[in-house]
Amino acid sequence: MTWIVPLCIVGGVVLVVLVWYIVIYNRFVAIRKHLEESWADVDVELKRRYDLIPNIVRTVKGYAAHEKDVFESITNARAAAVANTGDPAKQSGDEQRLVTQLGKIFVVAEAYPELKADRNFLNLQEELSNTEDRIAASRRFYNGNVRELNTLRESFPSSIVAGLANVEEAGFFEVTDHAERDVPAV
């Protein structure tokens, strides 16, 4: 009879630890699902950008056909960005190169007043601007989820659950090359 009390105490401690583990593990699962959902939102907006770029290039090409290098660099950057569907941290580099190259087309457009007044070009430029705003909002949401997952993963005592469950650190979707933050020069 004297062994029942210690057995109940040990059983209670094991039960508390087990419930704690399950709660923390389920929190990791929920955050991972939010992370996947937010990345899907970013991906949708990136696809929208990819679809707009050929239209912009075609429109500008009609006015500035001799700017062949600019068009090729944009086309190559777009192809690289579309092909990179892996890790968000790695994909952000290709996306930044695409944005840098895309900025060059607007620099070229400045030299052609008739292009700047073209209704189709203005509509495409506005659509691209709206898309970039939506990408930025989606990226902030995604990065917030990355921050939440990584914080929980590194915080004690949830880091114990993260280690046992092999929860990997998530990568931010950010600019990694500071040279890419500069305004493009053509």
N, C-alpha and C. Protein backbone atom coordinates (compact mmCIF):
# COMPACT_ATOMS: atom_id res chain seq x y z
N MET A 1 0.80 -1.20 0.00
CA MET A 1 0.00 0.00 0.00
C MET A 1 0.85 1.27 0.00
N THR A 2 2.00 1.19 0.61
CA THR A 2 2.84 2.37 0.67
C THR A 2 3.45 2.71 -0.68
N TRP A 3 3.45 1.82 -1.59
CA TRP A 3 4.00 2.07 -2.93
C TRP A 3 2.99 2.74 -3.85
N ILE A 4 1.71 2.81 -3.49
CA ILE A 4 0.68 3.42 -4.34
C ILE A 4 0.88 4.93 -4.45
N VAL A 5 1.18 5.59 -3.35
CA VAL A 5 1.36 7.05 -3.37
C VAL A 5 2.54 7.45 -4.26
N PRO A 6 3.72 6.85 -4.07
CA PRO A 6 4.82 7.22 -4.97
C PRO A 6 4.51 6.87 -6.44
N LEU A 7 3.82 5.76 -6.67
CA LEU A 7 3.46 5.36 -8.03
C LEU A 7 2.51 6.38 -8.65
N CYS A 8 1.57 6.87 -7.87
CA CYS A 8 0.63 7.90 -8.36
C CYS A 8 1.37 9.21 -8.66
N ILE A 9 2.31 9.57 -7.83
CA ILE A 9 3.09 10.79 -8.06
C ILE A 9 3.91 10.65 -9.34
N VAL A 10 4.61 9.53 -9.49
CA VAL A 10 5.40 9.29 -10.70
C VAL A 10 4.48 9.26 -11.93
N GLY A 11 3.35 8.59 -11.82
CA GLY A 11 2.38 8.53 -12.91
C GLY A 11 1.86 9.92 -13.27
N GLY A 12 1.59 10.75 -12.25
CA GLY A 12 1.12 12.11 -12.48
C GLY A 12 2.18 12.96 -13.19
N VAL A 13 3.44 12.82 -12.76
CA VAL A 13 4.52 13.57 -13.40
C VAL A 13 4.68 13.13 -14.85
N VAL A 14 4.65 11.84 -15.10
CA VAL A 14 4.77 11.32 -16.47
C VAL A 14 3.60 11.83 -17.32
N LEU A 15 2.41 11.83 -16.77
CA LEU A 15 1.23 12.32 -17.49
C LEU A 15 1.36 13.81 -17.82
N VAL A 16 1.83 14.61 -16.87
CA VAL A 16 2.02 16.04 -17.11
C VAL A 16 3.06 16.26 -18.21
N VAL A 17 4.17 15.54 -18.16
CA VAL A 17 5.22 15.67 -19.17
C VAL A 17 4.68 15.24 -20.54
N LEU A 18 3.92 14.16 -20.57
CA LEU A 18 3.35 13.68 -21.83
C LEU A 18 2.37 14.69 -22.42
N VAL A 19 1.50 15.25 -21.60
CA VAL A 19 0.55 16.27 -22.07
C VAL A 19 1.30 17.50 -22.56
N TRP A 20 2.32 17.92 -21.80
CA TRP A 20 3.13 19.07 -22.21
C TRP A 20 3.76 18.81 -23.58
N TYR A 21 4.35 17.63 -23.77
CA TYR A 21 4.98 17.28 -25.04
C TYR A 21 3.96 17.34 -26.19
N ILE A 22 2.80 16.78 -25.97
CA ILE A 22 1.76 16.75 -27.01
C ILE A 22 1.32 18.17 -27.36
N VAL A 23 1.13 19.02 -26.37
CA VAL A 23 0.71 20.40 -26.63
C VAL A 23 1.77 21.14 -27.44
N ILE A 24 3.02 21.04 -27.04
CA ILE A 24 4.10 21.73 -27.76
C ILE A 24 4.25 21.16 -29.17
N TYR A 25 4.19 19.85 -29.30
CA TYR A 25 4.31 19.22 -30.62
C TYR A 25 3.19 19.70 -31.54
N ASN A 26 1.98 19.74 -31.02
CA ASN A 26 0.84 20.21 -31.83
C ASN A 26 0.99 21.69 -32.20
N ARG A 27 1.62 22.45 -31.35
CA ARG A 27 1.88 23.85 -31.69
C ARG A 27 2.87 23.95 -32.85
N PHE A 28 3.89 23.11 -32.83
CA PHE A 28 4.82 23.06 -33.96
C PHE A 28 4.10 22.69 -35.25
N VAL A 29 3.21 21.71 -35.16
CA VAL A 29 2.45 21.28 -36.34
C VAL A 29 1.59 22.43 -36.87
N ALA A 30 0.91 23.14 -35.99
CA ALA A 30 0.06 24.26 -36.40
C ALA A 30 0.88 25.37 -37.05
N ILE A 31 2.02 25.70 -36.46
CA ILE A 31 2.86 26.75 -37.03
C ILE A 31 3.41 26.31 -38.38
N ARG A 32 3.81 25.05 -38.52
CA ARG A 32 4.31 24.53 -39.79
C ARG A 32 3.23 24.65 -40.87
N LYS A 33 1.97 24.36 -40.51
CA LYS A 33 0.87 24.48 -41.47
C LYS A 33 0.64 25.94 -41.86
N HIS A 34 0.75 26.86 -40.88
CA HIS A 34 0.64 28.29 -41.20
C HIS A 34 1.78 28.71 -42.13
N LEU A 35 2.94 28.16 -41.89
CA LEU A 35 4.11 28.46 -42.73
C LEU A 35 3.88 27.98 -44.16
N GLU A 36 3.38 26.77 -44.31
CA GLU A 36 3.08 26.24 -45.65
C GLU A 36 2.01 27.07 -46.35
N GLU A 37 0.98 27.44 -45.60
CA GLU A 37 -0.10 28.26 -46.18
C GLU A 37 0.42 29.63 -46.61
N SER A 38 1.23 30.25 -45.77
CA SER A 38 1.74 31.57 -46.12
C SER A 38 2.71 31.49 -47.29
N TRP A 39 3.48 30.40 -47.40
CA TRP A 39 4.35 30.26 -48.56
C TRP A 39 3.52 30.06 -49.83
N ALA A 40 2.41 29.34 -49.73
CA ALA A 40 1.53 29.18 -50.89
C ALA A 40 0.99 30.53 -51.35
N ASP A 41 0.69 31.42 -50.40
CA ASP A 41 0.23 32.77 -50.75
C ASP A 41 1.33 33.54 -51.50
N VAL A 42 2.56 33.43 -51.02
CA VAL A 42 3.68 34.08 -51.70
C VAL A 42 3.83 33.51 -53.10
N ASP A 43 3.73 32.21 -53.22
CA ASP A 43 3.89 31.53 -54.50
C ASP A 43 2.83 31.99 -55.52
N VAL A 44 1.60 32.17 -55.07
CA VAL A 44 0.53 32.65 -55.95
C VAL A 44 0.87 34.04 -56.49
N GLU A 45 1.35 34.90 -55.61
CA GLU A 45 1.69 36.26 -56.05
C GLU A 45 2.91 36.26 -56.98
N LEU A 46 3.86 35.38 -56.72
CA LEU A 46 5.02 35.29 -57.61
C LEU A 46 4.59 34.83 -59.00
N LYS A 47 3.68 33.87 -59.05
CA LYS A 47 3.18 33.40 -60.35
C LYS A 47 2.48 34.54 -61.08
N ARG A 48 1.75 35.35 -60.36
CA ARG A 48 1.09 36.51 -60.97
C ARG A 48 2.14 37.43 -61.59
N ARG A 49 3.23 37.66 -60.87
CA ARG A 49 4.32 38.49 -61.39
C ARG A 49 4.90 37.85 -62.65
N TYR A 50 5.15 36.54 -62.59
CA TYR A 50 5.73 35.84 -63.74
C TYR A 50 4.84 35.98 -64.98
N ASP A 51 3.53 35.96 -64.77
CA ASP A 51 2.60 36.09 -65.90
C ASP A 51 2.58 37.50 -66.47
N LEU A 52 2.81 38.51 -65.64
CA LEU A 52 2.79 39.89 -66.10
C LEU A 52 4.06 40.27 -66.87
N ILE A 53 5.17 39.72 -66.51
CA ILE A 53 6.46 40.13 -67.07
C ILE A 53 6.53 39.99 -68.59
N PRO A 54 6.13 38.85 -69.17
CA PRO A 54 6.20 38.77 -70.64
C PRO A 54 5.36 39.85 -71.34
N ASN A 55 4.22 40.22 -70.76
CA ASN A 55 3.39 41.27 -71.36
C ASN A 55 4.10 42.62 -71.32
N ILE A 56 4.76 42.89 -70.21
CA ILE A 56 5.50 44.16 -70.10
C ILE A 56 6.66 44.18 -71.09
N VAL A 57 7.39 43.07 -71.17
CA VAL A 57 8.52 43.00 -72.08
C VAL A 57 8.05 43.20 -73.52
N ARG A 58 6.97 42.53 -73.92
CA ARG A 58 6.45 42.68 -75.29
C ARG A 58 6.05 44.12 -75.57
N THR A 59 5.40 44.76 -74.61
CA THR A 59 4.97 46.14 -74.81
C THR A 59 6.16 47.07 -74.98
N VAL A 60 7.15 46.94 -74.12
CA VAL A 60 8.32 47.81 -74.19
C VAL A 60 9.13 47.49 -75.44
N LYS A 61 9.20 46.22 -75.80
CA LYS A 61 9.96 45.81 -76.99
C LYS A 61 9.46 46.52 -78.24
N GLY A 62 8.16 46.74 -78.31
CA GLY A 62 7.61 47.43 -79.47
C GLY A 62 8.13 48.85 -79.62
N TYR A 63 8.50 49.48 -78.54
CA TYR A 63 9.00 50.85 -78.56
C TYR A 63 10.52 50.91 -78.55
N ALA A 64 11.15 49.95 -77.91
CA ALA A 64 12.60 50.03 -77.70
C ALA A 64 13.26 48.73 -78.12
N ALA A 65 13.09 48.36 -79.36
CA ALA A 65 13.58 47.08 -79.86
C ALA A 65 15.10 46.96 -79.74
N HIS A 66 15.83 48.06 -79.76
CA HIS A 66 17.29 47.98 -79.72
C HIS A 66 17.84 47.74 -78.31
N GLU A 67 16.99 47.65 -77.30
CA GLU A 67 17.41 47.38 -75.90
C GLU A 67 17.43 45.87 -75.65
N LYS A 68 17.99 45.12 -76.58
CA LYS A 68 17.96 43.66 -76.55
C LYS A 68 18.56 43.08 -75.27
N ASP A 69 19.65 43.64 -74.78
CA ASP A 69 20.30 43.11 -73.58
C ASP A 69 19.38 43.16 -72.36
N VAL A 70 18.64 44.24 -72.25
CA VAL A 70 17.71 44.39 -71.12
C VAL A 70 16.65 43.30 -71.18
N PHE A 71 16.08 43.08 -72.37
CA PHE A 71 15.03 42.08 -72.52
C PHE A 71 15.54 40.68 -72.24
N GLU A 72 16.74 40.39 -72.71
CA GLU A 72 17.33 39.07 -72.46
C GLU A 72 17.60 38.85 -70.98
N SER A 73 18.12 39.88 -70.31
CA SER A 73 18.42 39.71 -68.88
C SER A 73 17.14 39.51 -68.07
N ILE A 74 16.07 40.19 -68.44
CA ILE A 74 14.79 40.00 -67.74
C ILE A 74 14.25 38.61 -68.01
N THR A 75 14.30 38.19 -69.26
CA THR A 75 13.81 36.86 -69.62
C THR A 75 14.59 35.77 -68.89
N ASN A 76 15.91 35.91 -68.83
CA ASN A 76 16.74 34.93 -68.13
C ASN A 76 16.47 34.93 -66.62
N ALA A 77 16.31 36.12 -66.04
CA ALA A 77 16.03 36.21 -64.60
C ALA A 77 14.66 35.61 -64.28
N ARG A 78 13.68 35.86 -65.15
CA ARG A 78 12.35 35.29 -64.96
C ARG A 78 12.41 33.77 -65.04
N ALA A 79 13.13 33.24 -66.02
CA ALA A 79 13.25 31.79 -66.18
C ALA A 79 13.90 31.16 -64.95
N ALA A 80 14.92 31.80 -64.42
CA ALA A 80 15.59 31.27 -63.22
C ALA A 80 14.66 31.30 -62.02
N ALA A 81 13.90 32.37 -61.88
CA ALA A 81 12.98 32.48 -60.75
C ALA A 81 11.85 31.46 -60.85
N VAL A 82 11.31 31.27 -62.04
CA VAL A 82 10.23 30.30 -62.23
C VAL A 82 10.74 28.89 -61.95
N ALA A 83 11.96 28.59 -62.36
CA ALA A 83 12.52 27.25 -62.19
C ALA A 83 12.86 26.94 -60.73
N ASN A 84 13.12 27.95 -59.92
CA ASN A 84 13.51 27.73 -58.53
C ASN A 84 12.28 27.68 -57.65
N THR A 85 11.83 26.47 -57.34
CA THR A 85 10.65 26.30 -56.49
C THR A 85 11.03 25.58 -55.21
N GLY A 86 12.26 25.69 -54.81
CA GLY A 86 12.74 24.98 -53.63
C GLY A 86 12.58 25.79 -52.37
N ASP A 87 13.62 25.80 -51.61
CA ASP A 87 13.66 26.46 -50.31
C ASP A 87 13.44 27.96 -50.47
N PRO A 88 12.51 28.54 -49.70
CA PRO A 88 12.25 29.98 -49.82
C PRO A 88 13.50 30.84 -49.64
N ALA A 89 14.39 30.45 -48.77
CA ALA A 89 15.61 31.24 -48.56
C ALA A 89 16.46 31.26 -49.83
N LYS A 90 16.52 30.14 -50.55
CA LYS A 90 17.29 30.09 -51.80
C LYS A 90 16.54 30.80 -52.91
N GLN A 91 15.22 30.64 -52.93
CA GLN A 91 14.41 31.25 -53.99
C GLN A 91 14.44 32.77 -53.91
N SER A 92 14.60 33.30 -52.73
CA SER A 92 14.59 34.76 -52.58
C SER A 92 15.72 35.42 -53.38
N GLY A 93 16.85 34.73 -53.54
CA GLY A 93 17.94 35.29 -54.33
C GLY A 93 17.55 35.46 -55.79
N ASP A 94 16.93 34.44 -56.37
CA ASP A 94 16.47 34.54 -57.76
C ASP A 94 15.38 35.59 -57.90
N GLU A 95 14.52 35.68 -56.92
CA GLU A 95 13.45 36.68 -56.97
C GLU A 95 14.03 38.10 -56.93
N GLN A 96 15.05 38.29 -56.12
CA GLN A 96 15.67 39.61 -56.02
C GLN A 96 16.36 39.99 -57.33
N ARG A 97 17.02 39.03 -57.96
CA ARG A 97 17.65 39.30 -59.26
C ARG A 97 16.59 39.66 -60.30
N LEU A 98 15.45 38.99 -60.25
CA LEU A 98 14.36 39.30 -61.18
C LEU A 98 13.85 40.72 -60.96
N VAL A 99 13.64 41.10 -59.72
CA VAL A 99 13.17 42.46 -59.41
C VAL A 99 14.18 43.49 -59.88
N THR A 100 15.46 43.21 -59.67
CA THR A 100 16.51 44.13 -60.12
C THR A 100 16.47 44.29 -61.63
N GLN A 101 16.36 43.18 -62.34
CA GLN A 101 16.31 43.23 -63.80
C GLN A 101 15.04 43.92 -64.28
N LEU A 102 13.94 43.66 -63.60
CA LEU A 102 12.67 44.27 -63.98
C LEU A 102 12.72 45.79 -63.81
N GLY A 103 13.44 46.24 -62.80
CA GLY A 103 13.60 47.68 -62.61
C GLY A 103 14.28 48.34 -63.79
N LYS A 104 15.14 47.59 -64.47
CA LYS A 104 15.83 48.15 -65.64
C LYS A 104 14.88 48.47 -66.78
N ILE A 105 13.80 47.70 -66.90
CA ILE A 105 12.87 47.96 -68.00
C ILE A 105 12.15 49.29 -67.79
N PHE A 106 11.93 49.65 -66.55
CA PHE A 106 11.27 50.93 -66.27
C PHE A 106 12.24 52.10 -66.47
N VAL A 107 13.51 51.83 -66.26
CA VAL A 107 14.52 52.85 -66.56
C VAL A 107 14.56 53.08 -68.08
N VAL A 108 14.48 52.00 -68.85
CA VAL A 108 14.45 52.11 -70.31
C VAL A 108 13.19 52.87 -70.74
N ALA A 109 12.08 52.58 -70.12
CA ALA A 109 10.81 53.23 -70.48
C ALA A 109 10.87 54.74 -70.30
N GLU A 110 11.68 55.20 -69.36
CA GLU A 110 11.80 56.64 -69.12
C GLU A 110 12.31 57.38 -70.36
N ALA A 111 13.07 56.67 -71.20
CA ALA A 111 13.65 57.30 -72.39
C ALA A 111 12.66 57.39 -73.55
N TYR A 112 11.49 56.82 -73.39
CA TYR A 112 10.50 56.77 -74.48
C TYR A 112 9.18 57.39 -74.02
N PRO A 113 9.00 58.69 -74.24
CA PRO A 113 7.78 59.35 -73.76
C PRO A 113 6.50 58.73 -74.32
N GLU A 114 6.53 58.26 -75.57
CA GLU A 114 5.32 57.66 -76.15
C GLU A 114 4.99 56.34 -75.45
N LEU A 115 6.00 55.62 -74.98
CA LEU A 115 5.77 54.39 -74.23
C LEU A 115 5.17 54.71 -72.86
N LYS A 116 5.72 55.73 -72.22
CA LYS A 116 5.20 56.10 -70.89
C LYS A 116 3.74 56.51 -70.95
N ALA A 117 3.28 56.97 -72.13
CA ALA A 117 1.89 57.39 -72.28
C ALA A 117 1.00 56.26 -72.79
N ASP A 118 1.58 55.13 -73.19
CA ASP A 118 0.81 54.01 -73.73
C ASP A 118 -0.09 53.41 -72.65
N ARG A 119 -1.39 53.34 -72.94
CA ARG A 119 -2.36 52.85 -71.95
C ARG A 119 -2.05 51.43 -71.50
N ASN A 120 -1.69 50.56 -72.45
CA ASN A 120 -1.38 49.18 -72.12
C ASN A 120 -0.18 49.11 -71.17
N PHE A 121 0.86 49.87 -71.47
CA PHE A 121 2.04 49.89 -70.60
C PHE A 121 1.68 50.41 -69.22
N LEU A 122 0.91 51.47 -69.16
CA LEU A 122 0.52 52.04 -67.86
C LEU A 122 -0.30 51.04 -67.04
N ASN A 123 -1.22 50.32 -67.71
CA ASN A 123 -2.01 49.30 -67.01
C ASN A 123 -1.12 48.17 -66.49
N LEU A 124 -0.20 47.72 -67.34
CA LEU A 124 0.72 46.66 -66.91
C LEU A 124 1.61 47.12 -65.76
N GLN A 125 2.08 48.35 -65.86
CA GLN A 125 2.93 48.90 -64.80
C GLN A 125 2.15 48.98 -63.48
N GLU A 126 0.90 49.39 -63.55
CA GLU A 126 0.07 49.46 -62.34
C GLU A 126 -0.20 48.07 -61.78
N GLU A 127 -0.49 47.11 -62.66
CA GLU A 127 -0.70 45.73 -62.21
C GLU A 127 0.54 45.17 -61.53
N LEU A 128 1.69 45.44 -62.12
CA LEU A 128 2.94 44.96 -61.54
C LEU A 128 3.18 45.62 -60.19
N SER A 129 2.90 46.89 -60.09
CA SER A 129 3.08 47.60 -58.82
C SER A 129 2.16 47.00 -57.75
N ASN A 130 0.92 46.74 -58.10
CA ASN A 130 -0.01 46.11 -57.15
C ASN A 130 0.46 44.72 -56.76
N THR A 131 0.96 43.99 -57.74
CA THR A 131 1.47 42.64 -57.47
C THR A 131 2.66 42.69 -56.53
N GLU A 132 3.56 43.63 -56.75
CA GLU A 132 4.73 43.76 -55.87
C GLU A 132 4.29 44.08 -54.44
N ASP A 133 3.26 44.91 -54.29
CA ASP A 133 2.73 45.21 -52.96
C ASP A 133 2.16 43.95 -52.31
N ARG A 134 1.46 43.16 -53.11
CA ARG A 134 0.88 41.92 -52.58
C ARG A 134 1.96 40.91 -52.23
N ILE A 135 3.02 40.86 -53.03
CA ILE A 135 4.15 39.97 -52.71
C ILE A 135 4.80 40.40 -51.40
N ALA A 136 4.97 41.70 -51.24
CA ALA A 136 5.58 42.21 -50.00
C ALA A 136 4.73 41.86 -48.78
N ALA A 137 3.42 42.01 -48.90
CA ALA A 137 2.53 41.67 -47.78
C ALA A 137 2.58 40.17 -47.49
N SER A 138 2.55 39.36 -48.54
CA SER A 138 2.62 37.90 -48.35
C SER A 138 3.95 37.49 -47.75
N ARG A 139 5.02 38.15 -48.19
CA ARG A 139 6.35 37.83 -47.67
C ARG A 139 6.44 38.20 -46.19
N ARG A 140 5.86 39.34 -45.80
CA ARG A 140 5.88 39.71 -44.38
C ARG A 140 5.13 38.67 -43.55
N PHE A 141 3.98 38.21 -44.05
CA PHE A 141 3.20 37.20 -43.34
C PHE A 141 3.99 35.90 -43.22
N TYR A 142 4.62 35.49 -44.32
CA TYR A 142 5.43 34.28 -44.30
C TYR A 142 6.58 34.42 -43.31
N ASN A 143 7.30 35.53 -43.38
CA ASN A 143 8.45 35.74 -42.49
C ASN A 143 8.01 35.79 -41.03
N GLY A 144 6.82 36.30 -40.75
CA GLY A 144 6.29 36.29 -39.38
C GLY A 144 6.10 34.87 -38.88
N ASN A 145 5.59 34.00 -39.76
CA ASN A 145 5.43 32.60 -39.39
C ASN A 145 6.78 31.91 -39.21
N VAL A 146 7.75 32.26 -40.04
CA VAL A 146 9.11 31.71 -39.89
C VAL A 146 9.67 32.12 -38.53
N ARG A 147 9.51 33.41 -38.21
CA ARG A 147 10.01 33.90 -36.93
C ARG A 147 9.36 33.15 -35.77
N GLU A 148 8.04 32.94 -35.84
CA GLU A 148 7.34 32.24 -34.76
C GLU A 148 7.84 30.80 -34.61
N LEU A 149 8.00 30.10 -35.73
CA LEU A 149 8.48 28.72 -35.68
C LEU A 149 9.91 28.67 -35.12
N ASN A 150 10.79 29.52 -35.64
CA ASN A 150 12.18 29.49 -35.20
C ASN A 150 12.33 29.90 -33.73
N THR A 151 11.52 30.85 -33.29
CA THR A 151 11.57 31.26 -31.88
C THR A 151 11.13 30.11 -30.98
N LEU A 152 10.03 29.47 -31.34
CA LEU A 152 9.55 28.34 -30.55
C LEU A 152 10.57 27.21 -30.57
N ARG A 153 11.19 26.99 -31.71
CA ARG A 153 12.17 25.92 -31.88
C ARG A 153 13.40 26.16 -31.00
N GLU A 154 13.78 27.40 -30.81
CA GLU A 154 15.00 27.71 -30.07
C GLU A 154 14.76 28.03 -28.59
N SER A 155 13.51 28.24 -28.22
CA SER A 155 13.19 28.60 -26.83
C SER A 155 13.13 27.35 -25.95
N PHE A 156 13.61 27.53 -24.74
CA PHE A 156 13.54 26.44 -23.77
C PHE A 156 12.22 26.56 -23.02
N PRO A 157 11.53 25.54 -22.79
CA PRO A 157 11.79 24.12 -22.92
C PRO A 157 11.26 23.50 -24.23
N SER A 158 10.61 24.32 -25.09
CA SER A 158 10.08 23.76 -26.33
C SER A 158 11.19 23.27 -27.26
N SER A 159 12.42 23.73 -27.04
CA SER A 159 13.54 23.26 -27.86
C SER A 159 13.77 21.75 -27.65
N ILE A 160 13.38 21.25 -26.50
CA ILE A 160 13.49 19.82 -26.24
C ILE A 160 12.57 19.05 -27.19
N VAL A 161 11.33 19.51 -27.31
CA VAL A 161 10.37 18.88 -28.22
C VAL A 161 10.86 19.02 -29.66
N ALA A 162 11.37 20.19 -30.00
CA ALA A 162 11.87 20.42 -31.36
C ALA A 162 12.99 19.44 -31.69
N GLY A 163 13.87 19.21 -30.75
CA GLY A 163 14.96 18.27 -30.97
C GLY A 163 14.47 16.84 -31.12
N LEU A 164 13.54 16.46 -30.26
CA LEU A 164 13.01 15.09 -30.32
C LEU A 164 12.17 14.87 -31.59
N ALA A 165 11.49 15.90 -32.05
CA ALA A 165 10.62 15.79 -33.23
C ALA A 165 11.34 16.18 -34.52
N ASN A 166 12.62 16.50 -34.44
CA ASN A 166 13.41 16.90 -35.62
C ASN A 166 12.80 18.08 -36.36
N VAL A 167 12.37 19.09 -35.63
CA VAL A 167 11.83 20.29 -36.25
C VAL A 167 13.01 21.12 -36.76
N GLU A 168 13.02 21.35 -38.07
CA GLU A 168 14.12 22.08 -38.69
C GLU A 168 13.84 23.58 -38.70
N GLU A 169 14.91 24.34 -38.68
CA GLU A 169 14.80 25.79 -38.77
C GLU A 169 14.28 26.17 -40.15
N ALA A 170 13.34 27.11 -40.20
CA ALA A 170 12.79 27.59 -41.47
C ALA A 170 13.60 28.80 -41.94
N GLY A 171 13.69 28.96 -43.24
CA GLY A 171 14.45 30.08 -43.81
C GLY A 171 13.54 31.25 -44.17
N PHE A 172 14.03 32.44 -43.91
CA PHE A 172 13.30 33.65 -44.26
C PHE A 172 13.34 33.89 -45.76
N PHE A 173 12.35 34.58 -46.27
CA PHE A 173 12.30 34.98 -47.67
C PHE A 173 12.72 36.44 -47.68
N GLU A 174 14.01 36.69 -47.94
CA GLU A 174 14.55 38.02 -47.79
C GLU A 174 15.64 38.30 -48.80
N VAL A 175 16.03 39.55 -48.86
CA VAL A 175 17.16 39.96 -49.69
C VAL A 175 18.42 39.59 -48.94
N THR A 176 19.29 38.83 -49.59
CA THR A 176 20.51 38.41 -48.93
C THR A 176 21.73 39.16 -49.43
N ASP A 177 21.67 39.65 -50.65
CA ASP A 177 22.78 40.38 -51.24
C ASP A 177 22.49 41.88 -51.15
N HIS A 178 23.25 42.59 -50.35
CA HIS A 178 22.98 44.02 -50.15
C HIS A 178 23.18 44.84 -51.43
N ALA A 179 23.96 44.35 -52.37
CA ALA A 179 24.13 45.04 -53.64
C ALA A 179 22.83 45.05 -54.44
N GLU A 180 21.97 44.05 -54.21
CA GLU A 180 20.70 43.97 -54.91
C GLU A 180 19.70 45.02 -54.41
N ARG A 181 19.97 45.62 -53.28
CA ARG A 181 19.09 46.66 -52.74
C ARG A 181 19.27 47.99 -53.46
N ASP A 182 20.37 48.12 -54.20
CA ASP A 182 20.65 49.37 -54.90
C ASP A 182 19.70 49.55 -56.08
N VAL A 183 19.48 50.80 -56.45
CA VAL A 183 18.67 51.12 -57.61
C VAL A 183 19.43 50.70 -58.86
N PRO A 184 18.73 50.00 -59.79
CA PRO A 184 19.44 49.54 -60.98
C PRO A 184 19.88 50.72 -61.86
N ALA A 185 21.05 50.59 -62.45
CA ALA A 185 21.56 51.61 -63.37
C ALA A 185 21.68 50.99 -64.76
N VAL A 186 21.15 51.69 -65.75
CA VAL A 186 21.21 51.21 -67.12
C VAL A 186 22.02 52.17 -67.94
